[in-house]
């Protein structure tokens, strides 16, 4: 028995509101996978922590702020 068949069998025995939640989650996952395949870009979560190795944002926070302000003058 495939996973899809097992899921169908289990869903048949559950109350309708619970099955609706399962369907909602499955549709969410489909959209998420489609977006990831279509974009080819990094997801925001993949970029988390990206500034920790940045030379622009390394060092004393006050100095970073001053340097960034000076760029606009």
N, C-alpha and C. Protein backbone atom coordinates (compact mmCIF):
# COMPACT_ATOMS: atom_id res chain seq x y z
N UNK A 1 0.86 -1.18 0.00
CA UNK A 1 0.00 0.00 0.00
C UNK A 1 0.91 1.24 0.00
N UNK A 2 0.63 2.18 -0.89
CA UNK A 2 1.42 3.41 -0.99
C UNK A 2 1.06 4.36 0.15
N UNK A 3 1.89 5.35 0.34
CA UNK A 3 1.64 6.35 1.37
C UNK A 3 0.34 7.10 1.08
N UNK A 4 0.10 7.42 -0.18
CA UNK A 4 -1.14 8.12 -0.55
C UNK A 4 -2.36 7.26 -0.22
N UNK A 5 -2.26 5.96 -0.46
CA UNK A 5 -3.38 5.05 -0.13
C UNK A 5 -3.59 4.98 1.38
N UNK A 6 -2.50 4.95 2.14
CA UNK A 6 -2.61 4.93 3.59
C UNK A 6 -3.25 6.22 4.11
N UNK A 7 -2.85 7.34 3.51
CA UNK A 7 -3.42 8.63 3.89
C UNK A 7 -4.91 8.67 3.59
N UNK A 8 -5.29 8.19 2.42
CA UNK A 8 -6.71 8.16 2.04
C UNK A 8 -7.51 7.30 3.01
N UNK A 9 -6.96 6.14 3.36
CA UNK A 9 -7.65 5.24 4.27
C UNK A 9 -7.82 5.90 5.64
N UNK A 10 -6.78 6.53 6.13
CA UNK A 10 -6.85 7.20 7.43
C UNK A 10 -7.83 8.36 7.39
N UNK A 11 -7.81 9.12 6.29
CA UNK A 11 -8.69 10.29 6.18
C UNK A 11 -10.15 9.89 6.14
N UNK A 12 -10.46 8.74 5.57
CA UNK A 12 -11.85 8.28 5.50
C UNK A 12 -12.44 8.06 6.89
N UNK A 13 -11.59 7.76 7.86
CA UNK A 13 -12.04 7.44 9.20
C UNK A 13 -12.07 8.66 10.14
N UNK A 14 -11.62 9.81 9.65
CA UNK A 14 -11.56 11.01 10.48
C UNK A 14 -12.78 11.90 10.27
N UNK A 15 -13.10 12.75 11.26
CA UNK A 15 -14.20 13.70 11.09
C UNK A 15 -13.88 14.71 9.98
N UNK A 16 -14.91 15.20 9.34
CA UNK A 16 -14.76 16.12 8.20
C UNK A 16 -13.91 17.35 8.53
N UNK A 17 -14.08 18.01 9.67
CA UNK A 17 -13.24 19.19 9.94
C UNK A 17 -11.74 18.85 10.00
N UNK A 18 -11.41 17.67 10.48
CA UNK A 18 -10.00 17.26 10.54
C UNK A 18 -9.48 16.99 9.13
N UNK A 19 -10.30 16.38 8.31
CA UNK A 19 -9.91 16.12 6.91
C UNK A 19 -9.70 17.44 6.17
N UNK A 20 -10.53 18.43 6.48
CA UNK A 20 -10.38 19.75 5.86
C UNK A 20 -9.04 20.38 6.24
N UNK A 21 -8.62 20.19 7.49
CA UNK A 21 -7.32 20.70 7.92
C UNK A 21 -6.17 20.00 7.18
N UNK A 22 -6.30 18.70 7.02
CA UNK A 22 -5.28 17.94 6.29
C UNK A 22 -5.19 18.43 4.85
N UNK A 23 -6.34 18.65 4.23
CA UNK A 23 -6.37 19.15 2.85
C UNK A 23 -5.75 20.53 2.77
N UNK A 24 -6.06 21.39 3.71
CA UNK A 24 -5.51 22.74 3.73
C UNK A 24 -3.98 22.69 3.82
N UNK A 25 -3.47 21.83 4.69
CA UNK A 25 -2.02 21.69 4.84
C UNK A 25 -1.38 21.13 3.57
N UNK A 26 -2.02 20.14 2.96
CA UNK A 26 -1.48 19.56 1.73
C UNK A 26 -1.42 20.61 0.62
N UNK A 27 -2.45 21.45 0.51
CA UNK A 27 -2.45 22.51 -0.51
C UNK A 27 -1.38 23.54 -0.22
N UNK A 28 -1.16 23.85 1.06
CA UNK A 28 -0.09 24.76 1.44
C UNK A 28 1.26 24.21 0.99
N UNK A 29 1.49 22.92 1.25
CA UNK A 29 2.75 22.31 0.85
C UNK A 29 2.93 22.30 -0.67
N UNK A 30 1.86 22.06 -1.40
CA UNK A 30 1.93 22.10 -2.87
C UNK A 30 2.35 23.47 -3.36
N UNK A 31 1.74 24.52 -2.80
CA UNK A 31 2.07 25.89 -3.21
C UNK A 31 3.51 26.23 -2.84
N UNK A 32 3.93 25.81 -1.66
CA UNK A 32 5.30 26.09 -1.21
C UNK A 32 6.31 25.44 -2.15
N UNK A 33 6.10 24.20 -2.49
CA UNK A 33 7.02 23.49 -3.39
C UNK A 33 7.02 24.13 -4.77
N UNK A 34 5.84 24.51 -5.26
CA UNK A 34 5.75 25.15 -6.57
C UNK A 34 6.50 26.48 -6.59
N UNK A 35 6.37 27.27 -5.52
CA UNK A 35 7.09 28.55 -5.44
C UNK A 35 8.60 28.33 -5.44
N UNK A 36 9.05 27.35 -4.66
CA UNK A 36 10.48 27.09 -4.59
C UNK A 36 11.04 26.64 -5.93
N UNK A 37 10.29 25.82 -6.64
CA UNK A 37 10.74 25.35 -7.96
C UNK A 37 10.74 26.48 -8.98
N UNK A 38 9.71 27.32 -8.92
CA UNK A 38 9.57 28.38 -9.92
C UNK A 38 10.56 29.52 -9.71
N UNK A 39 10.85 29.83 -8.47
CA UNK A 39 11.67 31.01 -8.22
C UNK A 39 13.14 30.78 -8.53
N UNK A 40 13.65 29.66 -8.14
CA UNK A 40 15.07 29.42 -8.32
C UNK A 40 15.91 30.32 -7.43
N UNK A 41 15.25 31.23 -6.72
CA UNK A 41 15.95 32.15 -5.82
C UNK A 41 16.01 31.55 -4.42
N UNK A 42 16.85 32.13 -3.61
CA UNK A 42 16.93 31.70 -2.23
C UNK A 42 15.67 32.14 -1.49
N UNK A 43 15.22 31.29 -0.61
CA UNK A 43 14.12 31.66 0.25
C UNK A 43 14.68 32.53 1.36
N UNK A 44 13.86 33.38 1.95
CA UNK A 44 14.31 34.28 3.00
C UNK A 44 14.96 33.52 4.15
N UNK A 45 14.39 32.39 4.52
CA UNK A 45 14.94 31.60 5.61
C UNK A 45 16.34 31.10 5.28
N UNK A 46 16.63 30.89 3.99
CA UNK A 46 17.95 30.43 3.58
C UNK A 46 19.01 31.51 3.77
N UNK A 47 18.57 32.77 3.80
CA UNK A 47 19.50 33.88 3.95
C UNK A 47 19.70 34.28 5.41
N UNK A 48 19.00 33.65 6.32
CA UNK A 48 19.12 33.99 7.74
C UNK A 48 20.56 33.83 8.19
N UNK A 49 21.03 34.82 8.91
CA UNK A 49 22.41 34.77 9.40
C UNK A 49 23.43 35.21 8.38
N UNK A 50 23.01 35.68 7.24
CA UNK A 50 23.93 36.07 6.19
C UNK A 50 24.78 37.27 6.50
N UNK A 51 24.34 38.13 7.41
CA UNK A 51 25.10 39.34 7.72
C UNK A 51 26.19 39.10 8.76
N UNK A 52 26.16 37.95 9.40
CA UNK A 52 27.15 37.71 10.45
C UNK A 52 28.57 37.63 9.91
N UNK A 53 28.72 37.33 8.63
CA UNK A 53 30.06 37.27 8.03
C UNK A 53 30.30 38.45 7.08
N UNK A 54 29.39 39.40 7.06
CA UNK A 54 29.51 40.55 6.17
C UNK A 54 30.58 41.51 6.68
N UNK A 55 31.45 41.97 5.78
CA UNK A 55 32.47 42.95 6.18
C UNK A 55 31.84 44.32 6.42
N UNK A 56 30.77 44.61 5.72
CA UNK A 56 30.07 45.89 5.90
C UNK A 56 29.50 46.02 7.30
N UNK A 57 29.00 44.93 7.84
CA UNK A 57 28.32 44.98 9.13
C UNK A 57 29.13 44.32 10.24
N UNK A 58 30.46 44.30 10.11
CA UNK A 58 31.29 43.72 11.16
C UNK A 58 31.89 44.85 11.98
N UNK A 59 32.15 44.58 13.24
CA UNK A 59 32.79 45.57 14.10
C UNK A 59 31.81 46.21 15.06
N UNK A 60 32.22 47.36 15.56
CA UNK A 60 31.45 48.10 16.56
C UNK A 60 30.17 48.66 15.92
N UNK A 61 29.01 48.40 16.52
CA UNK A 61 27.75 48.89 15.95
C UNK A 61 27.70 50.40 15.76
N UNK A 62 28.31 51.16 16.68
CA UNK A 62 28.32 52.62 16.54
C UNK A 62 29.12 53.06 15.32
N UNK A 63 30.25 52.38 15.09
CA UNK A 63 31.07 52.69 13.93
C UNK A 63 30.36 52.32 12.63
N UNK A 64 29.66 51.21 12.64
CA UNK A 64 28.90 50.79 11.45
C UNK A 64 27.85 51.84 11.13
N UNK A 65 27.13 52.28 12.15
CA UNK A 65 26.09 53.29 11.95
C UNK A 65 26.68 54.58 11.41
N UNK A 66 27.81 55.02 11.95
CA UNK A 66 28.47 56.24 11.49
C UNK A 66 28.90 56.10 10.03
N UNK A 67 29.51 54.94 9.71
CA UNK A 67 29.96 54.70 8.34
C UNK A 67 28.80 54.75 7.36
N UNK A 68 27.68 54.14 7.74
CA UNK A 68 26.52 54.13 6.84
C UNK A 68 25.92 55.52 6.70
N UNK A 69 25.90 56.29 7.80
CA UNK A 69 25.38 57.67 7.72
C UNK A 69 26.27 58.53 6.84
N UNK A 70 27.58 58.34 6.96
CA UNK A 70 28.53 59.13 6.18
C UNK A 70 28.36 58.92 4.68
N UNK A 71 27.88 57.75 4.29
CA UNK A 71 27.68 57.48 2.87
C UNK A 71 26.62 58.40 2.27
N UNK A 72 25.69 58.87 3.08
CA UNK A 72 24.59 59.70 2.56
C UNK A 72 24.92 61.19 2.60
N UNK A 73 26.04 61.56 3.14
CA UNK A 73 26.39 62.99 3.20
C UNK A 73 27.18 63.42 2.02
